PDB file of all heavy atoms in Angstrom:
ATOM      1  N   TRP A   1     112.720  80.378 114.068  1.00  0.00           N
ATOM      2  CA  TRP A   1     113.396  79.441 113.171  1.00  0.00           C
ATOM      3  C   TRP A   1     112.888  79.663 111.755  1.00  0.00           C
ATOM      4  O   TRP A   1     111.697  79.645 111.497  1.00  0.00           O
ATOM      5  CB  TRP A   1     113.116  78.004 113.606  1.00  0.00           C
ATOM      6  CG  TRP A   1     113.709  76.984 112.695  1.00  0.00           C
ATOM      7  CD1 TRP A   1     113.055  76.165 111.823  1.00  0.00           C
ATOM      8  CD2 TRP A   1     115.102  76.687 112.552  1.00  0.00           C
ATOM      9  NE1 TRP A   1     113.949  75.377 111.153  1.00  0.00           N
ATOM     10  CE2 TRP A   1     115.205  75.664 111.573  1.00  0.00           C
ATOM     11  CE3 TRP A   1     116.269  77.171 113.151  1.00  0.00           C
ATOM     12  CZ2 TRP A   1     116.445  75.134 111.187  1.00  0.00           C
ATOM     13  CZ3 TRP A   1     117.481  76.633 112.769  1.00  0.00           C
ATOM     14  CH2 TRP A   1     117.555  75.638 111.802  1.00  0.00           C
ATOM     15  N   ASP A   2     113.821  79.893 110.845  1.00  0.00           N
ATOM     16  CA  ASP A   2     113.448  80.250 109.482  1.00  0.00           C
ATOM     17  C   ASP A   2     114.000  79.254 108.467  1.00  0.00           C
ATOM     18  O   ASP A   2     114.390  79.635 107.372  1.00  0.00           O
ATOM     19  CB  ASP A   2     113.951  81.666 109.163  1.00  0.00           C
ATOM     20  CG  ASP A   2     113.181  82.288 108.020  1.00  0.00           C
ATOM     21  OD1 ASP A   2     112.230  81.660 107.527  1.00  0.00           O
ATOM     22  OD2 ASP A   2     113.551  83.403 107.598  1.00  0.00           O
ATOM     23  N   GLY A   3     114.025  77.971 108.827  1.00  0.00           N
ATOM     24  CA  GLY A   3     114.455  76.949 107.884  1.00  0.00           C
ATOM     25  C   GLY A   3     115.887  77.156 107.436  1.00  0.00           C
ATOM     26  O   GLY A   3     116.812  77.149 108.242  1.00  0.00           O
ATOM     27  N   LEU A   4     116.084  77.379 106.148  1.00  0.00           N
ATOM     28  CA  LEU A   4     117.416  77.506 105.586  1.00  0.00           C
ATOM     29  C   LEU A   4     118.182  78.683 106.168  1.00  0.00           C
ATOM     30  O   LEU A   4     119.409  78.665 106.240  1.00  0.00           O
ATOM     31  CB  LEU A   4     117.325  77.643 104.062  1.00  0.00           C
ATOM     32  CG  LEU A   4     116.830  76.406 103.305  1.00  0.00           C
ATOM     33  CD1 LEU A   4     116.699  76.712 101.828  1.00  0.00           C
ATOM     34  CD2 LEU A   4     117.769  75.232 103.534  1.00  0.00           C
ATOM     35  N   LEU A   5     117.480  79.726 106.557  1.00  0.00           N
ATOM     36  CA  LEU A   5     118.139  80.912 107.087  1.00  0.00           C
ATOM     37  C   LEU A   5     118.538  80.752 108.540  1.00  0.00           C
ATOM     38  O   LEU A   5     119.277  81.579 109.077  1.00  0.00           O
ATOM     39  CB  LEU A   5     117.228  82.129 106.932  1.00  0.00           C
ATOM     40  CG  LEU A   5     116.891  82.564 105.508  1.00  0.00           C
ATOM     41  CD1 LEU A   5     115.921  83.740 105.525  1.00  0.00           C
ATOM     42  CD2 LEU A   5     118.153  82.934 104.750  1.00  0.00           C
ATOM     43  N   GLY A   6     118.044  79.701 109.195  1.00  0.00           N
ATOM     44  CA  GLY A   6     118.328  79.546 110.615  1.00  0.00           C
ATOM     45  C   GLY A   6     117.488  80.503 111.429  1.00  0.00           C
ATOM     46  O   GLY A   6     116.358  80.802 111.071  1.00  0.00           O
ATOM     47  N   ASP A   7     118.043  80.994 112.519  1.00  0.00           N
ATOM     48  CA  ASP A   7     117.304  81.885 113.396  1.00  0.00           C
ATOM     49  C   ASP A   7     117.289  83.306 112.856  1.00  0.00           C
ATOM     50  O   ASP A   7     118.295  83.814 112.360  1.00  0.00           O
ATOM     51  CB  ASP A   7     117.945  81.906 114.787  1.00  0.00           C
ATOM     52  CG  ASP A   7     117.445  80.780 115.668  1.00  0.00           C
ATOM     53  OD1 ASP A   7     116.374  80.217 115.377  1.00  0.00           O
ATOM     54  OD2 ASP A   7     118.126  80.475 116.662  1.00  0.00           O
ATOM     55  N   THR A   8     116.160  83.944 112.959  1.00  0.00           N
ATOM     56  CA  THR A   8     116.066  85.384 112.736  1.00  0.00           C
ATOM     57  C   THR A   8     115.544  86.024 114.009  1.00  0.00           C
ATOM     58  O   THR A   8     114.828  85.385 114.787  1.00  0.00           O
ATOM     59  CB  THR A   8     115.125  85.720 111.565  1.00  0.00           C
ATOM     60  OG1 THR A   8     113.838  85.162 111.833  1.00  0.00           O
ATOM     61  CG2 THR A   8     115.646  85.149 110.267  1.00  0.00           C
ATOM     62  N   SER A   9     115.923  87.256 114.243  1.00  0.00           N
ATOM     63  CA  SER A   9     115.555  87.942 115.478  1.00  0.00           C
ATOM     64  C   SER A   9     114.610  89.091 115.174  1.00  0.00           C
ATOM     65  O   SER A   9     114.735  89.766 114.146  1.00  0.00           O
ATOM     66  CB  SER A   9     116.804  88.496 116.163  1.00  0.00           C
ATOM     67  OG  SER A   9     117.727  87.465 116.430  1.00  0.00           O
ATOM     68  N   VAL A  10     113.671  89.296 116.071  1.00  0.00           N
ATOM     69  CA  VAL A  10     112.689  90.368 115.939  1.00  0.00           C
ATOM     70  C   VAL A  10     112.619  91.094 117.278  1.00  0.00           C
ATOM     71  O   VAL A  10     112.674  90.460 118.343  1.00  0.00           O
ATOM     72  CB  VAL A  10     111.302  89.793 115.575  1.00  0.00           C
ATOM     73  CG1 VAL A  10     110.263  90.900 115.534  1.00  0.00           C
ATOM     74  CG2 VAL A  10     111.362  89.076 114.227  1.00  0.00           C
ATOM     75  N   TYR A  11     112.501  92.405 117.220  1.00  0.00           N
ATOM     76  CA  TYR A  11     112.488  93.222 118.427  1.00  0.00           C
ATOM     77  C   TYR A  11     111.321  94.199 118.411  1.00  0.00           C
ATOM     78  O   TYR A  11     110.903  94.669 117.349  1.00  0.00           O
ATOM     79  CB  TYR A  11     113.792  94.016 118.548  1.00  0.00           C
ATOM     80  CG  TYR A  11     115.026  93.166 118.654  1.00  0.00           C
ATOM     81  CD1 TYR A  11     115.737  92.780 117.532  1.00  0.00           C
ATOM     82  CD2 TYR A  11     115.480  92.725 119.902  1.00  0.00           C
ATOM     83  CE1 TYR A  11     116.868  91.978 117.629  1.00  0.00           C
ATOM     84  CE2 TYR A  11     116.611  91.932 120.012  1.00  0.00           C
ATOM     85  CZ  TYR A  11     117.295  91.561 118.866  1.00  0.00           C
ATOM     86  OH  TYR A  11     118.415  90.767 118.974  1.00  0.00           O
ATOM     87  N   SER A  12     110.848  94.524 119.606  1.00  0.00           N
ATOM     88  CA  SER A  12     109.901  95.618 119.718  1.00  0.00           C
ATOM     89  C   SER A  12     110.646  96.925 119.499  1.00  0.00           C
ATOM     90  O   SER A  12     111.875  96.983 119.582  1.00  0.00           O
ATOM     91  CB  SER A  12     109.260  95.610 121.106  1.00  0.00           C
ATOM     92  OG  SER A  12     110.234  95.926 122.090  1.00  0.00           O
ATOM     93  N   ASP A  13     109.916  97.972 119.245  1.00  0.00           N
ATOM     94  CA  ASP A  13     110.558  99.279 119.049  1.00  0.00           C
ATOM     95  C   ASP A  13     111.320  99.698 120.296  1.00  0.00           C
ATOM     96  O   ASP A  13     112.397 100.296 120.204  1.00  0.00           O
ATOM     97  CB  ASP A  13     109.506 100.331 118.692  1.00  0.00           C
ATOM     98  CG  ASP A  13     108.976 100.159 117.280  1.00  0.00           C
ATOM     99  OD1 ASP A  13     109.628  99.447 116.475  1.00  0.00           O
ATOM    100  OD2 ASP A  13     107.903 100.712 116.982  1.00  0.00           O
ATOM    101  N   SER A  14     110.775  99.387 121.466  1.00  0.00           N
ATOM    102  CA  SER A  14     111.435  99.808 122.704  1.00  0.00           C
ATOM    103  C   SER A  14     112.721  99.027 122.967  1.00  0.00           C
ATOM    104  O   SER A  14     113.615  99.514 123.649  1.00  0.00           O
ATOM    105  CB  SER A  14     110.483  99.671 123.886  1.00  0.00           C
ATOM    106  OG  SER A  14     110.142  98.318 124.100  1.00  0.00           O
ATOM    107  N   ALA A  15     112.805  97.827 122.433  1.00  0.00           N
ATOM    108  CA  ALA A  15     113.975  96.974 122.667  1.00  0.00           C
ATOM    109  C   ALA A  15     115.041  97.139 121.587  1.00  0.00           C
ATOM    110  O   ALA A  15     116.228  96.861 121.848  1.00  0.00           O
ATOM    111  CB  ALA A  15     113.553  95.517 122.736  1.00  0.00           C
ATOM    112  N   LYS A  16     114.651  97.572 120.430  1.00  0.00           N
ATOM    113  CA  LYS A  16     115.569  97.665 119.298  1.00  0.00           C
ATOM    114  C   LYS A  16     116.751  98.569 119.624  1.00  0.00           C
ATOM    115  O   LYS A  16     116.591  99.685 120.116  1.00  0.00           O
ATOM    116  CB  LYS A  16     114.807  98.192 118.080  1.00  0.00           C
ATOM    117  CG  LYS A  16     115.378  97.793 116.746  1.00  0.00           C
ATOM    118  CD  LYS A  16     114.424  98.184 115.623  1.00  0.00           C
ATOM    119  CE  LYS A  16     113.130  97.420 115.685  1.00  0.00           C
ATOM    120  NZ  LYS A  16     112.205  97.775 114.573  1.00  0.00           N
ATOM    121  N   GLY A  17     117.949  98.081 119.369  1.00  0.00           N
ATOM    122  CA  GLY A  17     119.151  98.856 119.628  1.00  0.00           C
ATOM    123  C   GLY A  17     119.683  98.743 121.042  1.00  0.00           C
ATOM    124  O   GLY A  17     120.820  99.138 121.312  1.00  0.00           O
ATOM    125  N   ARG A  18     118.883  98.229 121.961  1.00  0.00           N
ATOM    126  CA  ARG A  18     119.340  98.094 123.356  1.00  0.00           C
ATOM    127  C   ARG A  18     119.408  96.645 123.814  1.00  0.00           C
ATOM    128  O   ARG A  18     120.227  96.291 124.653  1.00  0.00           O
ATOM    129  CB  ARG A  18     118.401  98.862 124.303  1.00  0.00           C
ATOM    130  CG  ARG A  18     118.322 100.352 124.057  1.00  0.00           C
ATOM    131  CD  ARG A  18     117.544 101.052 125.168  1.00  0.00           C
ATOM    132  NE  ARG A  18     116.175 100.574 125.263  1.00  0.00           N
ATOM    133  CZ  ARG A  18     115.620 100.102 126.378  1.00  0.00           C
ATOM    134  NH1 ARG A  18     116.311 100.066 127.494  1.00  0.00           N
ATOM    135  NH2 ARG A  18     114.357  99.708 126.384  1.00  0.00           N
ATOM    136  N   PHE A  19     118.513  95.815 123.283  1.00  0.00           N
ATOM    137  CA  PHE A  19     118.440  94.417 123.700  1.00  0.00           C
ATOM    138  C   PHE A  19     118.905  93.510 122.565  1.00  0.00           C
ATOM    139  O   PHE A  19     118.731  93.832 121.388  1.00  0.00           O
ATOM    140  CB  PHE A  19     117.000  94.039 124.062  1.00  0.00           C
ATOM    141  CG  PHE A  19     116.428  94.742 125.270  1.00  0.00           C
ATOM    142  CD1 PHE A  19     117.137  95.702 125.968  1.00  0.00           C
ATOM    143  CD2 PHE A  19     115.150  94.417 125.713  1.00  0.00           C
ATOM    144  CE1 PHE A  19     116.605  96.342 127.073  1.00  0.00           C
ATOM    145  CE2 PHE A  19     114.603  95.044 126.817  1.00  0.00           C
ATOM    146  CZ  PHE A  19     115.320  96.013 127.491  1.00  0.00           C
ATOM    147  N   THR A  20     119.465  92.367 122.945  1.00  0.00           N
ATOM    148  CA  THR A  20     119.872  91.365 121.968  1.00  0.00           C
ATOM    149  C   THR A  20     119.358  90.010 122.414  1.00  0.00           C
ATOM    150  O   THR A  20     119.615  89.585 123.546  1.00  0.00           O
ATOM    151  CB  THR A  20     121.403  91.308 121.834  1.00  0.00           C
ATOM    152  OG1 THR A  20     121.900  92.593 121.456  1.00  0.00           O
ATOM    153  CG2 THR A  20     121.802  90.285 120.776  1.00  0.00           C
ATOM    154  N   VAL A  21     118.645  89.340 121.534  1.00  0.00           N
ATOM    155  CA  VAL A  21     118.131  88.004 121.821  1.00  0.00           C
ATOM    156  C   VAL A  21     118.939  87.000 121.012  1.00  0.00           C
ATOM    157  O   VAL A  21     119.304  87.255 119.866  1.00  0.00           O
ATOM    158  CB  VAL A  21     116.619  87.899 121.494  1.00  0.00           C
ATOM    159  CG1 VAL A  21     116.340  88.125 120.019  1.00  0.00           C
ATOM    160  CG2 VAL A  21     116.059  86.559 121.962  1.00  0.00           C
ATOM    161  N   SER A  22     119.241  85.876 121.631  1.00  0.00           N
ATOM    162  CA  SER A  22     120.017  84.847 120.942  1.00  0.00           C
ATOM    163  C   SER A  22     119.652  83.484 121.499  1.00  0.00           C
ATOM    164  O   SER A  22     119.084  83.367 122.587  1.00  0.00           O
ATOM    165  CB  SER A  22     121.514  85.103 121.086  1.00  0.00           C
ATOM    166  OG  SER A  22     121.896  85.088 122.447  1.00  0.00           O
ATOM    167  N   ARG A  23     120.020  82.476 120.745  1.00  0.00           N
ATOM    168  CA  ARG A  23     119.714  81.102 121.158  1.00  0.00           C
ATOM    169  C   ARG A  23     120.974  80.264 121.027  1.00  0.00           C
ATOM    170  O   ARG A  23     121.687  80.359 120.032  1.00  0.00           O
ATOM    171  CB  ARG A  23     118.604  80.534 120.266  1.00  0.00           C
ATOM    172  CG  ARG A  23     118.318  79.086 120.529  1.00  0.00           C
ATOM    173  CD  ARG A  23     117.192  78.440 119.797  1.00  0.00           C
ATOM    174  NE  ARG A  23     116.571  79.051 118.691  1.00  0.00           N
ATOM    175  CZ  ARG A  23     115.272  78.844 118.397  1.00  0.00           C
ATOM    176  NH1 ARG A  23     114.546  78.082 119.179  1.00  0.00           N
ATOM    177  NH2 ARG A  23     114.739  79.410 117.328  1.00  0.00           N
ATOM    178  N   ASP A  24     121.233  79.442 122.027  1.00  0.00           N
ATOM    179  CA  ASP A  24     122.337  78.491 122.000  1.00  0.00           C
ATOM    180  C   ASP A  24     121.739  77.102 122.123  1.00  0.00           C
ATOM    181  O   ASP A  24     121.409  76.657 123.230  1.00  0.00           O
ATOM    182  CB  ASP A  24     123.317  78.781 123.138  1.00  0.00           C
ATOM    183  CG  ASP A  24     124.555  77.894 123.096  1.00  0.00           C
ATOM    184  OD1 ASP A  24     124.519  76.857 122.393  1.00  0.00           O
ATOM    185  OD2 ASP A  24     125.549  78.223 123.756  1.00  0.00           O
ATOM    186  N   ASN A  25     121.581  76.438 120.991  1.00  0.00           N
ATOM    187  CA  ASN A  25     120.928  75.120 121.019  1.00  0.00           C
ATOM    188  C   ASN A  25     121.776  74.064 121.711  1.00  0.00           C
ATOM    189  O   ASN A  25     121.253  73.060 122.185  1.00  0.00           O
ATOM    190  CB  ASN A  25     120.574  74.677 119.604  1.00  0.00           C
ATOM    191  CG  ASN A  25     119.265  75.286 119.107  1.00  0.00           C
ATOM    192  OD1 ASN A  25     118.431  75.710 119.905  1.00  0.00           O
ATOM    193  ND2 ASN A  25     119.093  75.345 117.802  1.00  0.00           N
ATOM    194  N   SER A  26     123.089  74.268 121.777  1.00  0.00           N
ATOM    195  CA  SER A  26     123.935  73.289 122.475  1.00  0.00           C
ATOM    196  C   SER A  26     123.636  73.284 123.974  1.00  0.00           C
ATOM    197  O   SER A  26     123.890  72.299 124.668  1.00  0.00           O
ATOM    198  CB  SER A  26     125.414  73.597 122.236  1.00  0.00           C
ATOM    199  OG  SER A  26     125.783  74.804 122.872  1.00  0.00           O
ATOM    200  N   LYS A  27     123.076  74.396 124.459  1.00  0.00           N
ATOM    201  CA  LYS A  27     122.716  74.502 125.874  1.00  0.00           C
ATOM    202  C   LYS A  27     121.209  74.582 126.066  1.00  0.00           C
ATOM    203  O   LYS A  27     120.749  74.742 127.202  1.00  0.00           O
ATOM    204  CB  LYS A  27     123.372  75.746 126.480  1.00  0.00           C
ATOM    205  CG  LYS A  27     124.888  75.750 126.415  1.00  0.00           C
ATOM    206  CD  LYS A  27     125.461  77.038 126.984  1.00  0.00           C
ATOM    207  CE  LYS A  27     126.978  77.045 126.883  1.00  0.00           C
ATOM    208  NZ  LYS A  27     127.562  78.307 127.390  1.00  0.00           N
ATOM    209  N   ASP A  28     120.462  74.509 124.971  1.00  0.00           N
ATOM    210  CA  ASP A  28     118.995  74.636 125.039  1.00  0.00           C
ATOM    211  C   ASP A  28     118.605  75.882 125.826  1.00  0.00           C
ATOM    212  O   ASP A  28     117.697  75.845 126.669  1.00  0.00           O
ATOM    213  CB  ASP A  28     118.375  73.381 125.666  1.00  0.00           C
ATOM    214  CG  ASP A  28     118.468  72.171 124.753  1.00  0.00           C
ATOM    215  OD1 ASP A  28     118.397  72.353 123.516  1.00  0.00           O
ATOM    216  OD2 ASP A  28     118.624  71.044 125.264  1.00  0.00           O
ATOM    217  N   THR A  29     119.285  76.953 125.561  1.00  0.00           N
ATOM    218  CA  THR A  29     119.089  78.185 126.323  1.00  0.00           C
ATOM    219  C   THR A  29     118.918  79.365 125.371  1.00  0.00           C
ATOM    220  O   THR A  29     119.600  79.453 124.347  1.00  0.00           O
ATOM    221  CB  THR A  29     120.267  78.438 127.266  1.00  0.00           C
ATOM    222  OG1 THR A  29     120.407  77.312 128.149  1.00  0.00           O
ATOM    223  CG2 THR A  29     120.034  79.692 128.106  1.00  0.00           C
ATOM    224  N   ILE A  30     118.001  80.239 125.745  1.00  0.00           N
ATOM    225  CA  ILE A  30     117.764  81.465 125.006  1.00  0.00           C
ATOM    226  C   ILE A  30     118.160  82.619 125.913  1.00  0.00           C
ATOM    227  O   ILE A  30     117.843  82.607 127.110  1.00  0.00           O
ATOM    228  CB  ILE A  30     116.284  81.591 124.595  1.00  0.00           C
ATOM    229  CG1 ILE A  30     115.892  80.406 123.715  1.00  0.00           C
ATOM    230  CG2 ILE A  30     116.020  82.890 123.861  1.00  0.00           C
ATOM    231  CD1 ILE A  30     115.442  79.168 124.451  1.00  0.00           C
ATOM    232  N   PHE A  31     118.845  83.586 125.360  1.00  0.00           N
ATOM    233  CA  PHE A  31     119.358  84.694 126.152  1.00  0.00           C
ATOM    234  C   PHE A  31     118.704  86.009 125.735  1.00  0.00           C
ATOM    235  O   PHE A  31     118.348  86.199 124.570  1.00  0.00           O
ATOM    236  CB  PHE A  31     120.876  84.813 125.971  1.00  0.00           C
ATOM    237  CG  PHE A  31     121.627  83.565 126.326  1.00  0.00           C
ATOM    238  CD1 PHE A  31     122.002  82.659 125.352  1.00  0.00           C
ATOM    239  CD2 PHE A  31     121.958  83.290 127.647  1.00  0.00           C
ATOM    240  CE1 PHE A  31     122.695  81.502 125.669  1.00  0.00           C
ATOM    241  CE2 PHE A  31     122.656  82.142 127.975  1.00  0.00           C
ATOM    242  CZ  PHE A  31     123.012  81.237 126.991  1.00  0.00           C
TER     243      PHE A  31
END
């Protein structure tokens, strides 16, 4: 959580380009 910017995503080198992380606060779920 980055305040005004909302969510920002960070990845390991091994995950970058293959994995996607996201959050849906309406469902309190992170994917």
